[in-house]
Amino acid sequence: MRIRRSVTRFFSASVIPAVCCAVISYFGYYAVFGARGYDALHTTDTQLTGENLKLASLRADRERLQHRVDLLEPGHVDPDMVEEVAREQLLNSAPGQVAVPRDHH
């Protein structure tokens, strides 16, 4: 009888710590290796850095193109920009064609 009570007391005293250890281990594992854990955070930060670099490059390209468009706005057209666009259009007309630029009269 004493042994049975002793064994029962031992198991009942060790069940709560065992359950707590299991719960802490479960959540601890997923906090590090889970889909939204520390490991995934590191991977996401690396991807975000790459995407921010691409975004900065695209913004610079957009600003450059916007400046070129602003130079062609009606009312304050830049003659050098018009000449550049015209030459680009004329000299790149089709494969096999030859365009010879002429001096202005």
PDB file of N, CA and C in Angstrom:
ATOM      1  N   MET A   1       0.803  -1.179   0.000  1.00  0.00           N
ATOM      2  CA  MET A   1       0.000   0.000   0.000  1.00  0.00           C
ATOM      3  C   MET A   1       0.859   1.262   0.000  1.00  0.00           C
ATOM      4  N   ARG A   2       1.901   1.252   0.828  1.00  0.00           N
ATOM      5  CA  ARG A   2       2.773   2.400   0.849  1.00  0.00           C
ATOM      6  C   ARG A   2       3.488   2.596  -0.482  1.00  0.00           C
ATOM      7  N   ILE A   3       3.883   1.508  -1.066  1.00  0.00           N
ATOM      8  CA  ILE A   3       4.596   1.601  -2.352  1.00  0.00           C
ATOM      9  C   ILE A   3       3.668   2.170  -3.411  1.00  0.00           C
ATOM     10  N   ARG A   4       2.447   1.712  -3.420  1.00  0.00           N
ATOM     11  CA  ARG A   4       1.486   2.207  -4.405  1.00  0.00           C
ATOM     12  C   ARG A   4       1.225   3.700  -4.200  1.00  0.00           C
ATOM     13  N   ARG A   5       1.074   4.107  -2.978  1.00  0.00           N
ATOM     14  CA  ARG A   5       0.861   5.522  -2.695  1.00  0.00           C
ATOM     15  C   ARG A   5       2.103   6.336  -3.070  1.00  0.00           C
ATOM     16  N   SER A   6       3.259   5.798  -2.823  1.00  0.00           N
ATOM     17  CA  SER A   6       4.516   6.461  -3.149  1.00  0.00           C
ATOM     18  C   SER A   6       4.677   6.610  -4.663  1.00  0.00           C
ATOM     19  N   VAL A   7       4.351   5.549  -5.385  1.00  0.00           N
ATOM     20  CA  VAL A   7       4.437   5.590  -6.850  1.00  0.00           C
ATOM     21  C   VAL A   7       3.405   6.562  -7.402  1.00  0.00           C
ATOM     22  N   THR A   8       2.211   6.555  -6.870  1.00  0.00           N
ATOM     23  CA  THR A   8       1.153   7.461  -7.322  1.00  0.00           C
ATOM     24  C   THR A   8       1.547   8.905  -7.040  1.00  0.00           C
ATOM     25  N   ARG A   9       2.083   9.159  -5.884  1.00  0.00           N
ATOM     26  CA  ARG A   9       2.514  10.515  -5.529  1.00  0.00           C
ATOM     27  C   ARG A   9       3.655  10.966  -6.445  1.00  0.00           C
ATOM     28  N   PHE A  10       4.584  10.068  -6.728  1.00  0.00           N
ATOM     29  CA  PHE A  10       5.707  10.414  -7.611  1.00  0.00           C
ATOM     30  C   PHE A  10       5.211  10.772  -9.008  1.00  0.00           C
ATOM     31  N   PHE A  11       4.341   9.969  -9.583  1.00  0.00           N
ATOM     32  CA  PHE A  11       3.834  10.239 -10.931  1.00  0.00           C
ATOM     33  C   PHE A  11       2.953  11.487 -10.964  1.00  0.00           C
ATOM     34  N   SER A  12       2.145  11.682  -9.947  1.00  0.00           N
ATOM     35  CA  SER A  12       1.292  12.871  -9.938  1.00  0.00           C
ATOM     36  C   SER A  12       2.136  14.131  -9.753  1.00  0.00           C
ATOM     37  N   ALA A  13       3.234  14.034  -9.037  1.00  0.00           N
ATOM     38  CA  ALA A  13       4.120  15.185  -8.843  1.00  0.00           C
ATOM     39  C   ALA A  13       4.962  15.460 -10.089  1.00  0.00           C
ATOM     40  N   SER A  14       5.178  14.461 -10.917  1.00  0.00           N
ATOM     41  CA  SER A  14       6.025  14.665 -12.101  1.00  0.00           C
ATOM     42  C   SER A  14       5.220  14.902 -13.379  1.00  0.00           C
ATOM     43  N   VAL A  15       3.903  14.767 -13.330  1.00  0.00           N
ATOM     44  CA  VAL A  15       3.085  14.975 -14.529  1.00  0.00           C
ATOM     45  C   VAL A  15       3.065  16.445 -14.917  1.00  0.00           C
ATOM     46  N   ILE A  16       2.838  17.334 -13.976  1.00  0.00           N
ATOM     47  CA  ILE A  16       2.744  18.766 -14.280  1.00  0.00           C
ATOM     48  C   ILE A  16       4.064  19.299 -14.833  1.00  0.00           C
ATOM     49  N   PRO A  17       5.214  19.014 -14.226  1.00  0.00           N
ATOM     50  CA  PRO A  17       6.472  19.477 -14.826  1.00  0.00           C
ATOM     51  C   PRO A  17       6.732  18.862 -16.201  1.00  0.00           C
ATOM     52  N   ALA A  18       6.347  17.624 -16.387  1.00  0.00           N
ATOM     53  CA  ALA A  18       6.557  16.982 -17.690  1.00  0.00           C
ATOM     54  C   ALA A  18       5.696  17.647 -18.758  1.00  0.00           C
ATOM     55  N   VAL A  19       4.445  17.948 -18.425  1.00  0.00           N
ATOM     56  CA  VAL A  19       3.558  18.620 -19.379  1.00  0.00           C
ATOM     57  C   VAL A  19       4.095  20.024 -19.668  1.00  0.00           C
ATOM     58  N   CYS A  20       4.549  20.723 -18.652  1.00  0.00           N
ATOM     59  CA  CYS A  20       5.112  22.059 -18.851  1.00  0.00           C
ATOM     60  C   CYS A  20       6.353  22.017 -19.736  1.00  0.00           C
ATOM     61  N   CYS A  21       7.219  21.045 -19.509  1.00  0.00           N
ATOM     62  CA  CYS A  21       8.414  20.905 -20.344  1.00  0.00           C
ATOM     63  C   CYS A  21       8.038  20.602 -21.791  1.00  0.00           C
ATOM     64  N   ALA A  22       7.040  19.779 -21.986  1.00  0.00           N
ATOM     65  CA  ALA A  22       6.602  19.444 -23.341  1.00  0.00           C
ATOM     66  C   ALA A  22       6.028  20.672 -24.045  1.00  0.00           C
ATOM     67  N   VAL A  23       5.225  21.447 -23.344  1.00  0.00           N
ATOM     68  CA  VAL A  23       4.625  22.650 -23.942  1.00  0.00           C
ATOM     69  C   VAL A  23       5.712  23.679 -24.262  1.00  0.00           C
ATOM     70  N   ILE A  24       6.640  23.894 -23.348  1.00  0.00           N
ATOM     71  CA  ILE A  24       7.724  24.844 -23.584  1.00  0.00           C
ATOM     72  C   ILE A  24       8.603  24.388 -24.741  1.00  0.00           C
ATOM     73  N   SER A  25       8.886  23.098 -24.808  1.00  0.00           N
ATOM     74  CA  SER A  25       9.690  22.574 -25.919  1.00  0.00           C
ATOM     75  C   SER A  25       8.973  22.743 -27.251  1.00  0.00           C
ATOM     76  N   TYR A  26       7.688  22.487 -27.272  1.00  0.00           N
ATOM     77  CA  TYR A  26       6.898  22.623 -28.503  1.00  0.00           C
ATOM     78  C   TYR A  26       6.928  24.056 -29.018  1.00  0.00           C
ATOM     79  N   PHE A  27       6.585  25.001 -28.137  1.00  0.00           N
ATOM     80  CA  PHE A  27       6.550  26.396 -28.567  1.00  0.00           C
ATOM     81  C   PHE A  27       7.951  26.946 -28.828  1.00  0.00           C
ATOM     82  N   GLY A  28       8.918  26.490 -28.069  1.00  0.00           N
ATOM     83  CA  GLY A  28      10.298  26.920 -28.296  1.00  0.00           C
ATOM     84  C   GLY A  28      10.816  26.474 -29.655  1.00  0.00           C
ATOM     85  N   TYR A  29      10.516  25.232 -30.032  1.00  0.00           N
ATOM     86  CA  TYR A  29      10.944  24.723 -31.338  1.00  0.00           C
ATOM     87  C   TYR A  29      10.331  25.552 -32.463  1.00  0.00           C
ATOM     88  N   TYR A  30       9.035  25.822 -32.379  1.00  0.00           N
ATOM     89  CA  TYR A  30       8.377  26.578 -33.443  1.00  0.00           C
ATOM     90  C   TYR A  30       8.736  28.064 -33.410  1.00  0.00           C
ATOM     91  N   ALA A  31       9.196  28.556 -32.262  1.00  0.00           N
ATOM     92  CA  ALA A  31       9.662  29.944 -32.215  1.00  0.00           C
ATOM     93  C   ALA A  31      10.972  30.110 -32.971  1.00  0.00           C
ATOM     94  N   VAL A  32      11.741  29.056 -33.063  1.00  0.00           N
ATOM     95  CA  VAL A  32      13.022  29.125 -33.776  1.00  0.00           C
ATOM     96  C   VAL A  32      12.886  28.592 -35.200  1.00  0.00           C
ATOM     97  N   PHE A  33      12.309  27.424 -35.372  1.00  0.00           N
ATOM     98  CA  PHE A  33      12.301  26.761 -36.676  1.00  0.00           C
ATOM     99  C   PHE A  33      10.944  26.757 -37.365  1.00  0.00           C
ATOM    100  N   GLY A  34       9.942  27.372 -36.797  1.00  0.00           N
ATOM    101  CA  GLY A  34       8.598  27.351 -37.372  1.00  0.00           C
ATOM    102  C   GLY A  34       8.474  28.255 -38.588  1.00  0.00           C
ATOM    103  N   ALA A  35       7.267  28.274 -39.160  1.00  0.00           N
ATOM    104  CA  ALA A  35       7.012  29.055 -40.371  1.00  0.00           C
ATOM    105  C   ALA A  35       7.178  30.547 -40.122  1.00  0.00           C
ATOM    106  N   ARG A  36       6.954  31.007 -38.908  1.00  0.00           N
ATOM    107  CA  ARG A  36       7.123  32.417 -38.563  1.00  0.00           C
ATOM    108  C   ARG A  36       8.150  32.600 -37.459  1.00  0.00           C
ATOM    109  N   GLY A  37       9.087  31.697 -37.371  1.00  0.00           N
ATOM    110  CA  GLY A  37      10.083  31.741 -36.316  1.00  0.00           C
ATOM    111  C   GLY A  37      11.290  32.588 -36.677  1.00  0.00           C
ATOM    112  N   TYR A  38      12.309  32.474 -35.830  1.00  0.00           N
ATOM    113  CA  TYR A  38      13.526  33.263 -35.998  1.00  0.00           C
ATOM    114  C   TYR A  38      14.226  32.939 -37.314  1.00  0.00           C
ATOM    115  N   ASP A  39      14.274  31.699 -37.683  1.00  0.00           N
ATOM    116  CA  ASP A  39      14.923  31.286 -38.932  1.00  0.00           C
ATOM    117  C   ASP A  39      14.197  31.882 -40.142  1.00  0.00           C
ATOM    118  N   ALA A  40      12.887  31.866 -40.130  1.00  0.00           N
ATOM    119  CA  ALA A  40      12.105  32.464 -41.218  1.00  0.00           C
ATOM    120  C   ALA A  40      12.269  33.980 -41.230  1.00  0.00           C
ATOM    121  N   LEU A  41      12.419  34.589 -40.071  1.00  0.00           N
ATOM    122  CA  LEU A  41      12.643  36.036 -39.990  1.00  0.00           C
ATOM    123  C   LEU A  41      13.951  36.419 -40.669  1.00  0.00           C
ATOM    124  N   HIS A  42      14.981  35.637 -40.446  1.00  0.00           N
ATOM    125  CA  HIS A  42      16.276  35.908 -41.081  1.00  0.00           C
ATOM    126  C   HIS A  42      16.162  35.795 -42.603  1.00  0.00           C
ATOM    127  N   THR A  43      15.499  34.777 -43.084  1.00  0.00           N
ATOM    128  CA  THR A  43      15.305  34.595 -44.530  1.00  0.00           C
ATOM    129  C   THR A  43      14.483  35.741 -45.108  1.00  0.00           C
ATOM    130  N   THR A  44      13.439  36.148 -44.427  1.00  0.00           N
ATOM    131  CA  THR A  44      12.587  37.236 -44.899  1.00  0.00           C
ATOM    132  C   THR A  44      13.355  38.554 -44.918  1.00  0.00           C
ATOM    133  N   ASP A  45      14.190  38.794 -43.916  1.00  0.00           N
ATOM    134  CA  ASP A  45      14.996  40.017 -43.903  1.00  0.00           C
ATOM    135  C   ASP A  45      15.971  40.057 -45.079  1.00  0.00           C
ATOM    136  N   THR A  46      16.548  38.928 -45.415  1.00  0.00           N
ATOM    137  CA  THR A  46      17.455  38.859 -46.555  1.00  0.00           C
ATOM    138  C   THR A  46      16.705  39.150 -47.851  1.00  0.00           C
ATOM    139  N   GLN A  47      15.529  38.573 -48.021  1.00  0.00           N
ATOM    140  CA  GLN A  47      14.730  38.834 -49.214  1.00  0.00           C
ATOM    141  C   GLN A  47      14.285  40.287 -49.270  1.00  0.00           C
ATOM    142  N   LEU A  48      13.928  40.855 -48.132  1.00  0.00           N
ATOM    143  CA  LEU A  48      13.496  42.250 -48.083  1.00  0.00           C
ATOM    144  C   LEU A  48      14.628  43.195 -48.486  1.00  0.00           C
ATOM    145  N   THR A  49      15.839  42.897 -48.079  1.00  0.00           N
ATOM    146  CA  THR A  49      16.979  43.717 -48.463  1.00  0.00           C
ATOM    147  C   THR A  49      17.168  43.696 -49.974  1.00  0.00           C
ATOM    148  N   GLY A  50      17.067  42.517 -50.581  1.00  0.00           N
ATOM    149  CA  GLY A  50      17.184  42.412 -52.038  1.00  0.00           C
ATOM    150  C   GLY A  50      16.075  43.158 -52.759  1.00  0.00           C
ATOM    151  N   GLU A  51      14.859  43.047 -52.250  1.00  0.00           N
ATOM    152  CA  GLU A  51      13.733  43.734 -52.879  1.00  0.00           C
ATOM    153  C   GLU A  51      13.847  45.250 -52.723  1.00  0.00           C
ATOM    154  N   ASN A  52      14.380  45.711 -51.594  1.00  0.00           N
ATOM    155  CA  ASN A  52      14.580  47.149 -51.409  1.00  0.00           C
ATOM    156  C   ASN A  52      15.624  47.690 -52.383  1.00  0.00           C
ATOM    157  N   LEU A  53      16.656  46.890 -52.665  1.00  0.00           N
ATOM    158  CA  LEU A  53      17.652  47.311 -53.663  1.00  0.00           C
ATOM    159  C   LEU A  53      17.023  47.401 -55.049  1.00  0.00           C
ATOM    160  N   LYS A  54      16.178  46.430 -55.390  1.00  0.00           N
ATOM    161  CA  LYS A  54      15.488  46.485 -56.682  1.00  0.00           C
ATOM    162  C   LYS A  54      14.557  47.682 -56.753  1.00  0.00           C
ATOM    163  N   LEU A  55      13.866  47.971 -55.654  1.00  0.00           N
ATOM    164  CA  LEU A  55      12.963  49.112 -55.608  1.00  0.00           C
ATOM    165  C   LEU A  55      13.721  50.419 -55.787  1.00  0.00           C
ATOM    166  N   ALA A  56      14.867  50.550 -55.155  1.00  0.00           N
ATOM    167  CA  ALA A  56      15.672  51.767 -55.312  1.00  0.00           C
ATOM    168  C   ALA A  56      16.128  51.931 -56.752  1.00  0.00           C
ATOM    169  N   SER A  57      16.508  50.831 -57.386  1.00  0.00           N
ATOM    170  CA  SER A  57      16.926  50.876 -58.792  1.00  0.00           C
ATOM    171  C   SER A  57      15.761  51.280 -59.691  1.00  0.00           C
ATOM    172  N   LEU A  58      14.593  50.709 -59.442  1.00  0.00           N
ATOM    173  CA  LEU A  58      13.419  51.051 -60.252  1.00  0.00           C
ATOM    174  C   LEU A  58      12.994  52.499 -60.041  1.00  0.00           C
ATOM    175  N   ARG A  59      13.100  52.985 -58.821  1.00  0.00           N
ATOM    176  CA  ARG A  59      12.765  54.384 -58.571  1.00  0.00           C
ATOM    177  C   ARG A  59      13.726  55.318 -59.290  1.00  0.00           C
ATOM    178  N   ALA A  60      15.018  54.972 -59.297  1.00  0.00           N
ATOM    179  CA  ALA A  60      16.002  55.797 -60.010  1.00  0.00           C
ATOM    180  C   ALA A  60      15.703  55.796 -61.506  1.00  0.00           C
ATOM    181  N   ASP A  61      15.369  54.632 -62.063  1.00  0.00           N
ATOM    182  CA  ASP A  61      15.017  54.559 -63.484  1.00  0.00           C
ATOM    183  C   ASP A  61      13.761  55.379 -63.771  1.00  0.00           C
ATOM    184  N   ARG A  62      12.792  55.308 -62.880  1.00  0.00           N
ATOM    185  CA  ARG A  62      11.553  56.062 -63.081  1.00  0.00           C
ATOM    186  C   ARG A  62      11.821  57.561 -63.033  1.00  0.00           C
ATOM    187  N   GLU A  63      12.650  57.997 -62.090  1.00  0.00           N
ATOM    188  CA  GLU A  63      12.980  59.416 -62.006  1.00  0.00           C
ATOM    189  C   GLU A  63      13.714  59.889 -63.262  1.00  0.00           C
ATOM    190  N   ARG A  64      14.616  59.059 -63.768  1.00  0.00           N
ATOM    191  CA  ARG A  64      15.343  59.412 -64.997  1.00  0.00           C
ATOM    192  C   ARG A  64      14.379  59.527 -66.170  1.00  0.00           C
ATOM    193  N   LEU A  65      13.471  58.555 -66.295  1.00  0.00           N
ATOM    194  CA  LEU A  65      12.492  58.604 -67.385  1.00  0.00           C
ATOM    195  C   LEU A  65      11.519  59.768 -67.216  1.00  0.00           C
ATOM    196  N   GLN A  66      11.130  60.066 -65.981  1.00  0.00           N
ATOM    197  CA  GLN A  66      10.225  61.189 -65.737  1.00  0.00           C
ATOM    198  C   GLN A  66      10.899  62.505 -66.123  1.00  0.00           C
ATOM    199  N   HIS A  67      12.191  62.618 -65.872  1.00  0.00           N
ATOM    200  CA  HIS A  67      12.919  63.818 -66.269  1.00  0.00           C
ATOM    201  C   HIS A  67      12.945  63.962 -67.787  1.00  0.00           C
ATOM    202  N   ARG A  68      13.139  62.848 -68.479  1.00  0.00           N
ATOM    203  CA  ARG A  68      13.137  62.895 -69.953  1.00  0.00           C
ATOM    204  C   ARG A  68      11.753  63.285 -70.480  1.00  0.00           C
ATOM    205  N   VAL A  69      10.700  62.777 -69.857  1.00  0.00           N
ATOM    206  CA  VAL A  69       9.342  63.135 -70.274  1.00  0.00           C
ATOM    207  C   VAL A  69       9.075  64.612 -70.000  1.00  0.00           C
ATOM    208  N   ASP A  70       9.548  65.090 -68.843  1.00  0.00           N
ATOM    209  CA  ASP A  70       9.354  66.507 -68.513  1.00  0.00           C
ATOM    210  C   ASP A  70      10.047  67.419 -69.523  1.00  0.00           C
ATOM    211  N   LEU A  71      11.153  66.960 -70.092  1.00  0.00           N
ATOM    212  CA  LEU A  71      11.848  67.763 -71.100  1.00  0.00           C
ATOM    213  C   LEU A  71      11.069  67.844 -72.406  1.00  0.00           C
ATOM    214  N   LEU A  72      10.120  66.956 -72.620  1.00  0.00           N
ATOM    215  CA  LEU A  72       9.322  66.950 -73.852  1.00  0.00           C
ATOM    216  C   LEU A  72       7.919  67.496 -73.644  1.00  0.00           C
ATOM    217  N   GLU A  73       7.623  68.063 -72.495  1.00  0.00           N
ATOM    218  CA  GLU A  73       6.296  68.606 -72.216  1.00  0.00           C
ATOM    219  C   GLU A  73       6.006  69.790 -73.138  1.00  0.00           C
ATOM    220  N   PRO A  74       4.762  69.883 -73.635  1.00  0.00           N
ATOM    221  CA  PRO A  74       4.411  71.037 -74.473  1.00  0.00           C
ATOM    222  C   PRO A  74       4.537  72.339 -73.680  1.00  0.00           C
ATOM    223  N   GLY A  75       5.029  73.365 -74.361  1.00  0.00           N
ATOM    224  CA  GLY A  75       5.197  74.653 -73.717  1.00  0.00           C
ATOM    225  C   GLY A  75       6.637  74.945 -73.351  1.00  0.00           C
ATOM    226  N   HIS A  76       7.380  73.942 -72.945  1.00  0.00           N
ATOM    227  CA  HIS A  76       8.802  74.139 -72.628  1.00  0.00           C
ATOM    228  C   HIS A  76       9.603  72.919 -73.089  1.00  0.00           C
ATOM    229  N   VAL A  77       9.587  72.730 -74.400  1.00  0.00           N
ATOM    230  CA  VAL A  77      10.267  71.588 -75.011  1.00  0.00           C
ATOM    231  C   VAL A  77      11.751  71.900 -75.111  1.00  0.00           C
ATOM    232  N   ASP A  78      12.564  70.938 -74.727  1.00  0.00           N
ATOM    233  CA  ASP A  78      14.012  71.076 -74.840  1.00  0.00           C
ATOM    234  C   ASP A  78      14.433  70.641 -76.244  1.00  0.00           C
ATOM    235  N   PRO A  79      15.019  71.524 -77.038  1.00  0.00           N
ATOM    236  CA  PRO A  79      15.374  71.173 -78.420  1.00  0.00           C
ATOM    237  C   PRO A  79      16.389  70.032 -78.502  1.00  0.00           C
ATOM    238  N   ASP A  80      17.301  69.956 -77.560  1.00  0.00           N
ATOM    239  CA  ASP A  80      18.286  68.872 -77.586  1.00  0.00           C
ATOM    240  C   ASP A  80      17.606  67.518 -77.377  1.00  0.00           C
ATOM    241  N   MET A  81      16.618  67.487 -76.510  1.00  0.00           N
ATOM    242  CA  MET A  81      15.893  66.235 -76.260  1.00  0.00           C
ATOM    243  C   MET A  81      15.095  65.822 -77.484  1.00  0.00           C
ATOM    244  N   VAL A  82      14.473  66.782 -78.164  1.00  0.00           N
ATOM    245  CA  VAL A  82      13.714  66.475 -79.380  1.00  0.00           C
ATOM    246  C   VAL A  82      14.651  65.903 -80.433  1.00  0.00           C
ATOM    247  N   GLU A  83      15.830  66.504 -80.582  1.00  0.00           N
ATOM    248  CA  GLU A  83      16.791  66.010 -81.569  1.00  0.00           C
ATOM    249  C   GLU A  83      17.270  64.598 -81.207  1.00  0.00           C
ATOM    250  N   GLU A  84      17.506  64.352 -79.933  1.00  0.00           N
ATOM    251  CA  GLU A  84      17.946  63.022 -79.498  1.00  0.00           C
ATOM    252  C   GLU A  84      16.892  61.961 -79.811  1.00  0.00           C
ATOM    253  N   VAL A  85      15.626  62.272 -79.514  1.00  0.00           N
ATOM    254  CA  VAL A  85      14.550  61.317 -79.776  1.00  0.00           C
ATOM    255  C   VAL A  85      14.390  61.100 -81.280  1.00  0.00           C
ATOM    256  N   ALA A  86      14.477  62.172 -82.050  1.00  0.00           N
ATOM    257  CA  ALA A  86      14.335  62.050 -83.504  1.00  0.00           C
ATOM    258  C   ALA A  86      15.456  61.203 -84.087  1.00  0.00           C
ATOM    259  N   ARG A  87      16.676  61.440 -83.663  1.00  0.00           N
ATOM    260  CA  ARG A  87      17.802  60.635 -84.173  1.00  0.00           C
ATOM    261  C   ARG A  87      17.631  59.166 -83.796  1.00  0.00           C
ATOM    262  N   GLU A  88      17.217  58.925 -82.588  1.00  0.00           N
ATOM    263  CA  GLU A  88      17.021  57.540 -82.144  1.00  0.00           C
ATOM    264  C   GLU A  88      15.950  56.849 -82.990  1.00  0.00           C
ATOM    265  N   GLN A  89      14.877  57.556 -83.288  1.00  0.00           N
ATOM    266  CA  GLN A  89      13.800  56.984 -84.084  1.00  0.00           C
ATOM    267  C   GLN A  89      14.224  56.771 -85.527  1.00  0.00           C
ATOM    268  N   LEU A  90      14.973  57.694 -86.085  1.00  0.00           N
ATOM    269  CA  LEU A  90      15.368  57.585 -87.492  1.00  0.00           C
ATOM    270  C   LEU A  90      16.481  56.578 -87.702  1.00  0.00           C
ATOM    271  N   LEU A  91      17.449  56.538 -86.820  1.00  0.00           N
ATOM    272  CA  LEU A  91      18.603  55.653 -87.015  1.00  0.00           C
ATOM    273  C   LEU A  91      18.287  54.206 -86.645  1.00  0.00           C
ATOM    274  N   ASN A  92      17.269  53.970 -85.878  1.00  0.00           N
ATOM    275  CA  ASN A  92      16.911  52.605 -85.483  1.00  0.00           C
ATOM    276  C   ASN A  92      15.601  52.188 -86.131  1.00  0.00           C
ATOM    277  N   SER A  93      15.421  52.510 -87.378  1.00  0.00           N
ATOM    278  CA  SER A  93      14.125  52.278 -88.002  1.00  0.00           C
ATOM    279  C   SER A  93      13.862  50.799 -88.274  1.00  0.00           C
ATOM    280  N   ALA A  94      14.766  50.117 -88.961  1.00  0.00           N
ATOM    281  CA  ALA A  94      14.545  48.702 -89.266  1.00  0.00           C
ATOM    282  C   ALA A  94      15.886  48.045 -89.576  1.00  0.00           C
ATOM    283  N   PRO A  95      15.982  46.742 -89.360  1.00  0.00           N
ATOM    284  CA  PRO A  95      17.231  46.056 -89.695  1.00  0.00           C
ATOM    285  C   PRO A  95      17.461  46.070 -91.204  1.00  0.00           C
ATOM    286  N   GLY A  96      18.684  46.278 -91.574  1.00  0.00           N
ATOM    287  CA  GLY A  96      19.025  46.282 -93.000  1.00  0.00           C
ATOM    288  C   GLY A  96      18.909  47.643 -93.643  1.00  0.00           C
ATOM    289  N   GLN A  97      18.313  48.607 -93.007  1.00  0.00           N
ATOM    290  CA  GLN A  97      18.207  49.955 -93.559  1.00  0.00           C
ATOM    291  C   GLN A  97      19.368  50.791 -93.058  1.00  0.00           C
ATOM    292  N   VAL A  98      19.790  51.702 -93.892  1.00  0.00           N
ATOM    293  CA  VAL A  98      20.887  52.579 -93.533  1.00  0.00           C
ATOM    294  C   VAL A  98      20.359  54.004 -93.527  1.00  0.00           C
ATOM    295  N   ALA A  99      20.578  54.708 -92.456  1.00  0.00           N
ATOM    296  CA  ALA A  99      20.178  56.117 -92.370  1.00  0.00           C
ATOM    297  C   ALA A  99      21.423  56.955 -92.228  1.00  0.00           C
ATOM    298  N   VAL A 100      21.517  57.979 -93.025  1.00  0.00           N
ATOM    299  CA  VAL A 100      22.682  58.859 -92.994  1.00  0.00           C
ATOM    300  C   VAL A 100      22.216  60.211 -92.439  1.00  0.00           C
ATOM    301  N   PRO A 101      22.714  60.607 -91.299  1.00  0.00           N
ATOM    302  CA  PRO A 101      22.313  61.903 -90.748  1.00  0.00           C
ATOM    303  C   PRO A 101      22.938  63.034 -91.583  1.00  0.00           C
ATOM    304  N   ARG A 102      22.157  64.094 -91.775  1.00  0.00           N
ATOM    305  CA  ARG A 102      22.646  65.241 -92.528  1.00  0.00           C
ATOM    306  C   ARG A 102      22.798  66.427 -91.608  1.00  0.00           C
ATOM    307  N   ASP A 103      23.683  67.328 -92.021  1.00  0.00           N
ATOM    308  CA  ASP A 103      23.853  68.560 -91.271  1.00  0.00           C
ATOM    309  C   ASP A 103      22.679  69.466 -91.561  1.00  0.00           C
ATOM    310  N   HIS A 104      22.344  70.317 -90.588  1.00  0.00           N
ATOM    311  CA  HIS A 104      21.264  71.265 -90.782  1.00  0.00           C
ATOM    312  C   HIS A 104      21.713  72.363 -91.727  1.00  0.00           C
ATOM    313  N   HIS A 105      20.793  72.902 -92.538  1.00  0.00           N
ATOM    314  CA  HIS A 105      21.134  73.967 -93.504  1.00  0.00           C
ATOM    315  C   HIS A 105      21.129  75.288 -92.860  1.00  0.00           C
TER     316      HIS A 105
END
